[in-house]
């Protein structure tokens, strides 16, 4: 199974600090990179953790607050300076489109590539992107401005042909792809061999949900049931519920309760307020509601590795 990884470039809220950069992360699969949010200083983090924009064709911006988008125009400018020649797709809230186009026209009018803007304006979960790796849905969130989460679901792969069947039935090489795609095989003497006899099921698909900035969205519990990994707003610690409600964010404990209801494989807490010295107390409180939790941190990569009936295997490390 191909690696599916999420790398945190920034997980702080509101403004950069000496502890955390503002929001951005990379989803990667088979060399393809997908950026979610692009706060101030993102391109420096992008370089630090050894990514290259040549592998990136899609950027998803959750909302038009500066800590999630102020780095975007700088990143696009650098792509132009690096003589990029192929398109970049930007999925952004519709209310951000006009001002972003003005910035692009002013700063990057000389670009040799197309910047394709796909405005998001939906009131319910909507498919906004599909390619050979993923289908991506936009999920409207509860925040002070139009804001969207993103659900990445892997495309279903092909079935696996049994090596012994190739020899047993003298299957020509040109027939193998069709069998992997679900076709039966007809032998030279006219016997039809069912596909189920020739193959084993495809690899289970994996999923990742990014939900920041928001109050807990309990209406998505069914949609996200069994999701492998959730990154969730955890701006505030337990005891600051009033602030979370006032500013349309979540506490770490609320995020944990949501992940539990979703039966998620694992929860990654992020978007931390600078008011707290560290996030240890958040983790302690949250794990009383849901045990499978990690704290986001710059440079942390989480791999959703081989998935079995028992669930996904997570491997994490710091780069």
Protein backbone atom coordinates (compact mmCIF):
# COMPACT_ATOMS: atom_id res chain seq x y z
CA UNK A 1 0.00 0.00 0.00
CA UNK A 2 1.33 3.43 -0.96
CA UNK A 3 2.27 5.77 1.91
CA UNK A 4 -0.31 8.37 2.89
CA UNK A 5 1.27 11.06 5.05
CA UNK A 6 0.26 14.31 6.72
CA UNK A 7 3.06 16.72 7.65
CA UNK A 8 2.41 19.70 9.90
CA UNK A 9 4.03 22.94 8.71
CA UNK A 10 2.21 25.11 11.25
CA UNK A 11 -0.38 24.46 13.95
CA UNK A 12 -0.67 27.73 15.89
CA UNK A 13 -3.59 30.14 15.84
CA UNK A 14 -3.92 33.87 15.17
CA UNK A 15 -0.22 34.79 14.86
CA UNK A 16 3.19 33.10 14.68
CA UNK A 17 5.07 32.60 17.93
CA UNK A 18 8.43 31.14 18.89
CA UNK A 19 6.57 27.88 19.57
CA UNK A 20 4.30 27.55 16.56
CA UNK A 21 3.87 28.75 13.00
CA UNK A 22 0.43 29.60 11.67
CA UNK A 23 -1.71 26.99 9.97
CA UNK A 24 -0.49 24.89 7.09
CA UNK A 25 0.04 21.22 6.35
CA UNK A 26 0.86 18.86 3.52
CA UNK A 27 -1.01 15.70 2.54
CA UNK A 28 1.20 13.48 0.38
CA UNK A 29 0.60 10.28 -1.55
CA UNK A 30 2.87 8.66 -4.15
CA UNK A 31 4.84 11.87 -4.60
CA UNK A 32 1.77 14.09 -5.08
CA UNK A 33 1.45 16.95 -2.59
CA UNK A 34 -1.73 18.70 -1.45
CA UNK A 35 -1.44 21.80 0.73
CA UNK A 36 -4.12 22.70 3.27
CA UNK A 37 -3.99 26.35 4.37
CA UNK A 38 -1.04 28.65 3.89
CA UNK A 39 -0.44 30.97 6.84
CA UNK A 40 2.40 33.45 7.19
CA UNK A 41 5.84 31.86 6.71
CA UNK A 42 4.50 28.67 5.11
CA UNK A 43 6.94 28.62 2.21
CA UNK A 44 9.88 28.71 4.62
CA UNK A 45 8.44 25.68 6.41
CA UNK A 46 7.79 24.07 3.04
CA UNK A 47 11.48 24.36 2.19
CA UNK A 48 12.66 23.40 5.68
CA UNK A 49 10.89 20.05 5.53
CA UNK A 50 12.22 19.38 2.03
CA UNK A 51 9.09 19.68 -0.08
CA UNK A 52 9.08 21.06 -3.62
CA UNK A 53 6.23 22.87 -5.32
CA UNK A 54 6.88 20.90 -8.49
CA UNK A 55 5.00 18.03 -6.87
CA UNK A 56 2.05 20.21 -5.84
CA UNK A 57 -0.93 21.01 -8.05
CA UNK A 58 -3.66 21.69 -5.48
CA UNK A 59 -3.95 24.08 -2.52
CA UNK A 60 -7.01 24.17 -0.26
CA UNK A 61 -7.71 27.27 1.85
CA UNK A 62 -10.22 26.83 4.66
CA UNK A 63 -11.11 30.51 5.16
CA UNK A 64 -9.96 34.09 4.70
CA UNK A 65 -8.43 34.74 8.10
CA UNK A 66 -4.80 35.80 7.88
CA UNK A 67 -3.37 32.93 9.89
CA UNK A 68 -4.65 30.57 7.18
CA UNK A 69 -3.93 32.48 3.97
CA UNK A 70 -1.36 35.30 4.36
CA UNK A 71 1.43 33.07 3.04
CA UNK A 72 -0.37 32.16 -0.18
CA UNK A 73 0.58 35.12 -2.38
CA UNK A 74 4.23 34.78 -1.37
CA UNK A 75 4.24 31.08 -2.21
CA UNK A 76 2.67 31.73 -5.61
CA UNK A 77 5.21 34.50 -6.27
CA UNK A 78 8.07 32.11 -5.50
CA UNK A 79 6.59 29.56 -7.90
CA UNK A 80 6.77 32.20 -10.61
CA UNK A 81 10.36 33.12 -9.71
CA UNK A 82 11.23 29.42 -9.98
CA UNK A 83 9.90 29.43 -13.57
CA UNK A 84 7.00 27.12 -12.91
CA UNK A 85 5.16 26.35 -16.16
CA UNK A 86 2.21 24.15 -15.15
CA UNK A 87 -1.07 25.01 -13.53
CA UNK A 88 -1.85 25.34 -9.83
CA UNK A 89 -5.39 24.87 -8.54
CA UNK A 90 -6.60 26.98 -5.62
CA UNK A 91 -9.74 25.89 -3.78
CA UNK A 92 -10.82 28.89 -1.72
CA UNK A 93 -13.99 30.27 -0.09
CA UNK A 94 -15.92 32.41 -2.56
CA UNK A 95 -15.60 35.52 -0.36
CA UNK A 96 -11.79 35.36 -0.77
CA UNK A 97 -11.83 35.23 -4.57
CA UNK A 98 -11.99 38.94 -5.42
CA UNK A 99 -9.19 40.08 -3.13
CA UNK A 100 -6.97 37.15 -4.09
CA UNK A 101 -7.39 37.94 -7.79
CA UNK A 102 -6.36 41.55 -7.07
CA UNK A 103 -3.22 40.33 -5.28
CA UNK A 104 -2.37 37.95 -8.11
CA UNK A 105 -2.86 40.65 -10.73
CA UNK A 106 -0.65 43.05 -8.78
CA UNK A 107 2.17 40.75 -7.64
CA UNK A 108 2.22 37.84 -10.12
CA UNK A 109 1.03 39.27 -13.42
CA UNK A 110 4.18 37.89 -15.06
CA UNK A 111 3.60 34.24 -14.11
CA UNK A 112 4.17 31.63 -16.85
CA UNK A 113 1.59 29.27 -15.34
CA UNK A 114 -2.15 29.38 -14.87
CA UNK A 115 -3.51 30.01 -11.38
CA UNK A 116 -6.89 28.32 -11.49
CA UNK A 117 -9.24 29.54 -8.77
CA UNK A 118 -12.09 27.27 -7.74
CA UNK A 119 -14.41 29.21 -5.39
CA UNK A 120 -16.19 27.17 -2.72
CA UNK A 121 -19.71 28.27 -1.87
CA UNK A 122 -21.74 25.40 -0.48
CA UNK A 123 -24.10 24.90 2.45
CA UNK A 124 -23.59 21.14 2.75
CA UNK A 125 -20.73 18.67 2.16
CA UNK A 126 -19.79 18.90 -1.51
CA UNK A 127 -17.25 17.16 -3.74
CA UNK A 128 -14.84 19.84 -4.98
CA UNK A 129 -11.88 17.86 -6.35
CA UNK A 130 -11.11 14.41 -7.71
CA UNK A 131 -7.99 12.91 -9.25
CA UNK A 132 -6.24 9.54 -9.42
CA UNK A 133 -5.42 9.67 -5.70
CA UNK A 134 -8.31 11.31 -3.83
CA UNK A 135 -11.80 12.63 -3.79
CA UNK A 136 -11.93 15.79 -1.68
CA UNK A 137 -15.10 17.14 -0.10
CA UNK A 138 -15.60 20.63 1.34
CA UNK A 139 -17.43 20.59 4.67
CA UNK A 140 -19.02 23.89 5.81
CA UNK A 141 -17.87 24.69 9.34
CA UNK A 142 -19.14 26.95 12.12
CA UNK A 143 -16.88 29.98 12.29
CA UNK A 144 -17.09 33.78 12.16
CA UNK A 145 -16.52 33.89 8.40
CA UNK A 146 -17.30 31.33 5.68
CA UNK A 147 -15.05 28.42 6.52
CA UNK A 148 -14.64 24.88 5.19
CA UNK A 149 -13.10 21.68 6.37
CA UNK A 150 -11.76 19.12 3.91
CA UNK A 151 -12.33 15.39 3.77
CA UNK A 152 -9.79 13.42 1.75
CA UNK A 153 -10.89 9.91 0.73
CA UNK A 154 -8.62 7.67 -1.30
CA UNK A 155 -9.88 6.39 -4.62
CA UNK A 156 -10.63 2.66 -4.62
CA UNK A 157 -7.70 0.82 -6.20
CA UNK A 158 -7.72 -2.22 -8.46
CA UNK A 159 -8.01 -5.80 -7.31
CA UNK A 160 -4.84 -7.90 -6.90
CA UNK A 161 -4.36 -10.73 -9.37
CA UNK A 162 -3.08 -13.99 -7.90
CA UNK A 163 0.32 -14.86 -9.35
CA UNK A 164 -0.46 -18.58 -9.36
CA UNK A 165 -3.56 -17.98 -11.50
CA UNK A 166 -1.52 -16.28 -14.21
CA UNK A 167 0.49 -19.45 -14.67
CA UNK A 168 -2.40 -21.87 -14.09
CA UNK A 169 -4.63 -20.33 -16.77
CA UNK A 170 -1.86 -19.02 -19.06
CA UNK A 171 -3.20 -15.49 -18.79
CA UNK A 172 -1.59 -13.19 -21.39
CA UNK A 173 0.05 -10.04 -20.11
CA UNK A 174 -2.39 -7.87 -22.10
CA UNK A 175 -5.33 -9.33 -20.13
CA UNK A 176 -3.96 -8.66 -16.66
CA UNK A 177 -5.03 -5.02 -16.32
CA UNK A 178 -8.60 -5.83 -17.27
CA UNK A 179 -8.72 -8.60 -14.69
CA UNK A 180 -7.37 -6.23 -12.04
CA UNK A 181 -10.21 -3.87 -12.97
CA UNK A 182 -12.78 -6.63 -12.38
CA UNK A 183 -13.17 -8.56 -15.64
CA UNK A 184 -13.54 -12.32 -15.82
CA UNK A 185 -11.09 -14.35 -17.96
CA UNK A 186 -11.97 -16.70 -20.78
CA UNK A 187 -9.46 -19.52 -21.39
CA UNK A 188 -8.40 -20.76 -24.80
CA UNK A 189 -10.92 -23.62 -24.55
CA UNK A 190 -13.79 -21.25 -23.73
CA UNK A 191 -14.06 -21.64 -19.95
CA UNK A 192 -15.00 -18.46 -18.08
CA UNK A 193 -12.98 -18.02 -14.87
CA UNK A 194 -14.77 -15.66 -12.44
CA UNK A 195 -12.81 -12.62 -11.36
CA UNK A 196 -13.25 -13.54 -7.68
CA UNK A 197 -11.28 -16.72 -8.33
CA UNK A 198 -8.45 -14.86 -10.02
CA UNK A 199 -8.03 -11.94 -7.66
CA UNK A 200 -8.06 -10.74 -4.09
CA UNK A 201 -9.85 -7.55 -2.98
CA UNK A 202 -8.22 -4.12 -3.45
CA UNK A 203 -6.46 -2.42 -0.57
CA UNK A 204 -8.84 -0.74 1.88
CA UNK A 205 -9.16 2.99 1.26
CA UNK A 206 -7.95 5.53 3.81
CA UNK A 207 -9.40 8.87 4.84
CA UNK A 208 -8.33 12.11 6.47
CA UNK A 209 -10.46 15.01 7.74
CA UNK A 210 -9.20 18.55 8.40
CA UNK A 211 -11.58 20.53 10.63
CA UNK A 212 -10.29 23.96 11.62
CA UNK A 213 -11.47 26.62 12.58
CA UNK A 214 -14.79 25.54 14.00
CA UNK A 215 -17.09 24.54 16.77
CA UNK A 216 -17.61 20.75 16.92
CA UNK A 217 -19.77 19.75 13.93
CA UNK A 218 -21.88 16.94 15.32
CA UNK A 219 -23.96 16.88 12.13
CA UNK A 220 -20.96 15.29 10.40
CA UNK A 221 -20.65 12.32 12.76
CA UNK A 222 -22.28 9.93 10.27
CA UNK A 223 -20.35 11.28 7.29
CA UNK A 224 -17.05 10.91 9.16
CA UNK A 225 -17.85 7.61 10.86
CA UNK A 226 -14.71 5.46 10.86
CA UNK A 227 -12.45 8.15 9.38
CA UNK A 228 -8.82 7.15 9.91
CA UNK A 229 -7.47 10.49 11.11
CA UNK A 230 -9.05 13.80 12.12
CA UNK A 231 -7.14 17.05 12.55
CA UNK A 232 -9.40 19.19 14.73
CA UNK A 233 -9.45 22.71 16.07
CA UNK A 234 -8.22 22.68 19.69
CA UNK A 235 -7.64 26.39 20.17
CA UNK A 236 -8.64 26.37 23.83
CA UNK A 237 -8.06 24.24 26.88
CA UNK A 238 -10.74 22.83 29.16
CA UNK A 239 -12.11 25.64 31.33
CA UNK A 240 -12.16 28.12 28.46
CA UNK A 241 -15.38 26.87 26.87
CA UNK A 242 -16.90 30.36 26.93
CA UNK A 243 -14.03 31.73 24.84
CA UNK A 244 -14.35 28.81 22.44
CA UNK A 245 -18.04 29.57 21.95
CA UNK A 246 -17.45 33.31 21.69
CA UNK A 247 -14.87 32.98 18.92
CA UNK A 248 -16.29 29.88 17.19
CA UNK A 249 -13.47 27.54 18.08
CA UNK A 250 -13.24 24.30 20.05
CA UNK A 251 -11.56 23.08 23.19
CA UNK A 252 -9.35 20.01 23.07
CA UNK A 253 -11.92 18.07 25.08
CA UNK A 254 -14.71 19.01 22.67
CA UNK A 255 -12.55 17.81 19.78
CA UNK A 256 -11.97 14.52 21.61
CA UNK A 257 -15.67 14.01 22.22
CA UNK A 258 -16.33 14.63 18.53
CA UNK A 259 -13.65 12.13 17.46
CA UNK A 260 -15.13 9.54 19.80
CA UNK A 261 -18.61 9.97 18.29
CA UNK A 262 -17.07 9.59 14.82
CA UNK A 263 -15.31 6.38 15.87
CA UNK A 264 -12.16 7.91 14.36
CA UNK A 265 -8.94 5.95 14.19
CA UNK A 266 -6.91 8.79 15.65
CA UNK A 267 -7.24 12.47 16.53
CA UNK A 268 -4.61 15.11 15.86
CA UNK A 269 -5.14 18.27 17.92
CA UNK A 270 -4.00 21.61 16.51
CA UNK A 271 -4.59 25.35 16.02
CA UNK A 272 -3.32 26.09 19.52
CA UNK A 273 -3.78 29.47 21.18
CA UNK A 274 -0.59 31.25 22.24
CA UNK A 275 -2.15 31.91 25.67
CA UNK A 276 -0.96 28.49 26.86
CA UNK A 277 2.66 27.73 27.66
CA UNK A 278 2.40 24.20 26.30
CA UNK A 279 -0.28 21.78 25.19
CA UNK A 280 0.36 19.07 27.77
CA UNK A 281 -2.71 19.98 29.83
CA UNK A 282 -4.85 19.89 26.69
CA UNK A 283 -3.70 16.37 25.94
CA UNK A 284 -4.29 15.24 29.51
CA UNK A 285 -7.86 16.57 29.52
CA UNK A 286 -8.72 15.37 26.03
CA UNK A 287 -7.54 11.78 26.52
CA UNK A 288 -10.11 11.30 29.28
CA UNK A 289 -12.71 11.50 26.50
CA UNK A 290 -10.86 9.73 23.67
CA UNK A 291 -7.54 7.90 24.12
CA UNK A 292 -6.16 7.89 20.58
CA UNK A 293 -4.79 11.43 20.43
CA UNK A 294 -1.63 13.18 19.27
CA UNK A 295 -0.61 16.81 19.58
CA UNK A 296 0.31 18.52 16.33
CA UNK A 297 3.73 20.12 16.14
CA UNK A 298 5.81 21.62 13.36
CA UNK A 299 7.63 18.92 11.44
CA UNK A 300 5.47 16.09 12.73
CA UNK A 301 4.57 13.59 10.01
CA UNK A 302 1.80 11.09 10.58
CA UNK A 303 1.59 8.15 8.21
CA UNK A 304 -1.67 6.30 7.76
CA UNK A 305 0.00 3.04 6.86
CA UNK A 306 -1.34 -0.39 5.87
CA UNK A 307 -4.98 -0.65 6.86
CA UNK A 308 -6.55 -3.92 7.99
CA UNK A 309 -9.91 -4.98 9.35
CA UNK A 310 -8.57 -4.04 12.78
CA UNK A 311 -7.98 -0.48 11.61
CA UNK A 312 -5.08 1.61 10.28
CA UNK A 313 -1.51 1.46 11.53
CA UNK A 314 -0.09 4.92 12.33
CA UNK A 315 3.59 5.66 12.24
CA UNK A 316 4.74 9.10 13.30
CA UNK A 317 8.10 10.78 13.41
CA UNK A 318 9.71 14.21 13.48
CA UNK A 319 11.75 15.42 10.52
